[in-house]
């Protein structure tokens, strides 16, 4: 049985989220939750949030969340907010505030 959760529009760059996602991929869900709780990275909070949602979805499907393993964690780019930053001589730079879509797939196989 599989359970899936998608966290959209996380205000975190995909590159920073992928760093955390690679560390928990392939581990048991309960073990990964414990690791994410004590990770110093900012992305750990968002991946943990998606993982908790996937565990809750598995519970709704009457699967045992204790036996579930993280089959995949995908981090894709979401929309970027564009902000203007004033520069010298009347010019401007564009600052992109990136966001991420985080998908967690759990499996009991």
C-alpha atoms as a PDB file:
ATOM      1  CA  UNK A   1       0.000   0.000   0.000  1.00  0.00           C
ATOM      2  CA  UNK A   2       1.224   3.479  -0.811  1.00  0.00           C
ATOM      3  CA  UNK A   3       0.488   6.862   0.702  1.00  0.00           C
ATOM      4  CA  UNK A   4       1.366  10.205  -0.813  1.00  0.00           C
ATOM      5  CA  UNK A   5       1.455  13.801   0.383  1.00  0.00           C
ATOM      6  CA  UNK A   6       2.291  16.995  -1.491  1.00  0.00           C
ATOM      7  CA  UNK A   7       3.338  20.204   0.216  1.00  0.00           C
ATOM      8  CA  UNK A   8       2.942  23.067  -2.230  1.00  0.00           C
ATOM      9  CA  UNK A   9       4.332  26.590  -2.204  1.00  0.00           C
ATOM     10  CA  UNK A  10       6.877  26.010   0.587  1.00  0.00           C
ATOM     11  CA  UNK A  11       8.880  29.240   0.964  1.00  0.00           C
ATOM     12  CA  UNK A  12      12.206  27.495   0.572  1.00  0.00           C
ATOM     13  CA  UNK A  13      14.469  27.112  -2.428  1.00  0.00           C
ATOM     14  CA  UNK A  14      14.332  23.662  -4.031  1.00  0.00           C
ATOM     15  CA  UNK A  15      18.096  23.271  -3.718  1.00  0.00           C
ATOM     16  CA  UNK A  16      17.966  23.600   0.080  1.00  0.00           C
ATOM     17  CA  UNK A  17      15.004  21.239   0.336  1.00  0.00           C
ATOM     18  CA  UNK A  18      16.694  18.586  -1.839  1.00  0.00           C
ATOM     19  CA  UNK A  19      19.670  18.523   0.518  1.00  0.00           C
ATOM     20  CA  UNK A  20      17.373  17.330   3.313  1.00  0.00           C
ATOM     21  CA  UNK A  21      15.265  15.058   1.094  1.00  0.00           C
ATOM     22  CA  UNK A  22      18.292  13.016   0.043  1.00  0.00           C
ATOM     23  CA  UNK A  23      19.169  12.342   3.694  1.00  0.00           C
ATOM     24  CA  UNK A  24      15.823  10.715   4.570  1.00  0.00           C
ATOM     25  CA  UNK A  25      15.044   8.860   1.330  1.00  0.00           C
ATOM     26  CA  UNK A  26      14.824   5.086   1.814  1.00  0.00           C
ATOM     27  CA  UNK A  27      14.477   5.185   5.617  1.00  0.00           C
ATOM     28  CA  UNK A  28      11.601   4.098   7.812  1.00  0.00           C
ATOM     29  CA  UNK A  29       9.040   6.840   8.363  1.00  0.00           C
ATOM     30  CA  UNK A  30       9.336   6.890  12.167  1.00  0.00           C
ATOM     31  CA  UNK A  31      13.138   6.941  12.007  1.00  0.00           C
ATOM     32  CA  UNK A  32      13.096   9.753   9.440  1.00  0.00           C
ATOM     33  CA  UNK A  33      10.737  11.850  11.599  1.00  0.00           C
ATOM     34  CA  UNK A  34      13.150  11.612  14.489  1.00  0.00           C
ATOM     35  CA  UNK A  35      16.098  12.602  12.314  1.00  0.00           C
ATOM     36  CA  UNK A  36      14.234  15.540  10.772  1.00  0.00           C
ATOM     37  CA  UNK A  37      13.267  16.863  14.199  1.00  0.00           C
ATOM     38  CA  UNK A  38      16.916  17.370  15.166  1.00  0.00           C
ATOM     39  CA  UNK A  39      18.379  18.420  11.808  1.00  0.00           C
ATOM     40  CA  UNK A  40      19.859  21.925  11.788  1.00  0.00           C
ATOM     41  CA  UNK A  41      18.647  22.699   8.264  1.00  0.00           C
ATOM     42  CA  UNK A  42      15.663  24.948   7.569  1.00  0.00           C
ATOM     43  CA  UNK A  43      14.377  22.533   4.937  1.00  0.00           C
ATOM     44  CA  UNK A  44      13.925  19.816   7.568  1.00  0.00           C
ATOM     45  CA  UNK A  45      10.809  21.590   8.878  1.00  0.00           C
ATOM     46  CA  UNK A  46       9.078  21.493   5.487  1.00  0.00           C
ATOM     47  CA  UNK A  47      10.050  17.893   4.679  1.00  0.00           C
ATOM     48  CA  UNK A  48       8.878  16.851   8.153  1.00  0.00           C
ATOM     49  CA  UNK A  49       5.549  18.574   7.566  1.00  0.00           C
ATOM     50  CA  UNK A  50       5.048  16.685   4.287  1.00  0.00           C
ATOM     51  CA  UNK A  51       6.128  13.404   5.888  1.00  0.00           C
ATOM     52  CA  UNK A  52       3.654  13.817   8.766  1.00  0.00           C
ATOM     53  CA  UNK A  53       0.910  14.413   6.220  1.00  0.00           C
ATOM     54  CA  UNK A  54       1.872  11.269   4.283  1.00  0.00           C
ATOM     55  CA  UNK A  55       1.821   9.237   7.512  1.00  0.00           C
ATOM     56  CA  UNK A  56      -1.651  10.588   8.312  1.00  0.00           C
ATOM     57  CA  UNK A  57      -2.798   9.670   4.794  1.00  0.00           C
ATOM     58  CA  UNK A  58      -1.458   6.134   5.288  1.00  0.00           C
ATOM     59  CA  UNK A  59      -3.337   5.925   8.583  1.00  0.00           C
ATOM     60  CA  UNK A  60      -6.553   6.922   6.792  1.00  0.00           C
ATOM     61  CA  UNK A  61      -6.019   4.041   4.332  1.00  0.00           C
ATOM     62  CA  UNK A  62      -5.774   1.613   7.298  1.00  0.00           C
ATOM     63  CA  UNK A  63      -2.090   0.947   6.652  1.00  0.00           C
ATOM     64  CA  UNK A  64       0.351   0.586   9.526  1.00  0.00           C
ATOM     65  CA  UNK A  65       2.444   3.792   9.616  1.00  0.00           C
ATOM     66  CA  UNK A  66       5.105   2.064  11.748  1.00  0.00           C
ATOM     67  CA  UNK A  67       6.021  -0.270   8.866  1.00  0.00           C
ATOM     68  CA  UNK A  68       6.013   2.383   6.134  1.00  0.00           C
ATOM     69  CA  UNK A  69       9.239   3.367   4.397  1.00  0.00           C
ATOM     70  CA  UNK A  70       9.970   6.491   2.400  1.00  0.00           C
ATOM     71  CA  UNK A  71       9.984   5.315  -1.191  1.00  0.00           C
ATOM     72  CA  UNK A  72      10.690   8.717  -2.725  1.00  0.00           C
ATOM     73  CA  UNK A  73      10.960  12.382  -1.842  1.00  0.00           C
ATOM     74  CA  UNK A  74      10.746  14.724  -4.807  1.00  0.00           C
ATOM     75  CA  UNK A  75      11.372  18.440  -4.633  1.00  0.00           C
ATOM     76  CA  UNK A  76      10.269  20.548  -7.554  1.00  0.00           C
ATOM     77  CA  UNK A  77      10.390  24.249  -8.186  1.00  0.00           C
ATOM     78  CA  UNK A  78       7.298  26.268  -7.420  1.00  0.00           C
ATOM     79  CA  UNK A  79       6.550  29.784  -8.610  1.00  0.00           C
ATOM     80  CA  UNK A  80       9.050  32.542  -7.850  1.00  0.00           C
ATOM     81  CA  UNK A  81       8.018  35.852  -6.346  1.00  0.00           C
ATOM     82  CA  UNK A  82       9.775  38.688  -8.102  1.00  0.00           C
ATOM     83  CA  UNK A  83      10.804  41.741  -6.125  1.00  0.00           C
ATOM     84  CA  UNK A  84      12.637  44.821  -7.389  1.00  0.00           C
ATOM     85  CA  UNK A  85      15.779  46.017  -5.663  1.00  0.00           C
ATOM     86  CA  UNK A  86      16.924  49.566  -6.369  1.00  0.00           C
ATOM     87  CA  UNK A  87      20.449  50.002  -7.718  1.00  0.00           C
ATOM     88  CA  UNK A  88      22.565  52.979  -8.620  1.00  0.00           C
ATOM     89  CA  UNK A  89      21.797  55.379 -11.477  1.00  0.00           C
ATOM     90  CA  UNK A  90      18.079  54.562 -11.461  1.00  0.00           C
ATOM     91  CA  UNK A  91      18.488  50.932 -12.363  1.00  0.00           C
ATOM     92  CA  UNK A  92      16.927  47.920 -10.636  1.00  0.00           C
ATOM     93  CA  UNK A  93      17.756  44.285  -9.995  1.00  0.00           C
ATOM     94  CA  UNK A  94      15.174  41.528  -9.816  1.00  0.00           C
ATOM     95  CA  UNK A  95      15.252  39.426  -6.647  1.00  0.00           C
ATOM     96  CA  UNK A  96      13.634  36.027  -7.061  1.00  0.00           C
ATOM     97  CA  UNK A  97      12.150  34.531  -3.917  1.00  0.00           C
ATOM     98  CA  UNK A  98      11.831  30.892  -4.873  1.00  0.00           C
ATOM     99  CA  UNK A  99       9.345  28.338  -3.582  1.00  0.00           C
ATOM    100  CA  UNK A 100       9.153  24.541  -3.681  1.00  0.00           C
ATOM    101  CA  UNK A 101       6.672  21.722  -4.107  1.00  0.00           C
ATOM    102  CA  UNK A 102       7.646  18.730  -1.926  1.00  0.00           C
ATOM    103  CA  UNK A 103       6.165  15.278  -2.656  1.00  0.00           C
ATOM    104  CA  UNK A 104       6.612  12.379  -0.221  1.00  0.00           C
ATOM    105  CA  UNK A 105       5.680   8.831  -1.209  1.00  0.00           C
ATOM    106  CA  UNK A 106       5.465   6.130   1.462  1.00  0.00           C
ATOM    107  CA  UNK A 107       5.291   2.402   0.777  1.00  0.00           C
ATOM    108  CA  UNK A 108       5.047  -0.654   2.986  1.00  0.00           C
ATOM    109  CA  UNK A 109       6.826  -2.923   0.487  1.00  0.00           C
END
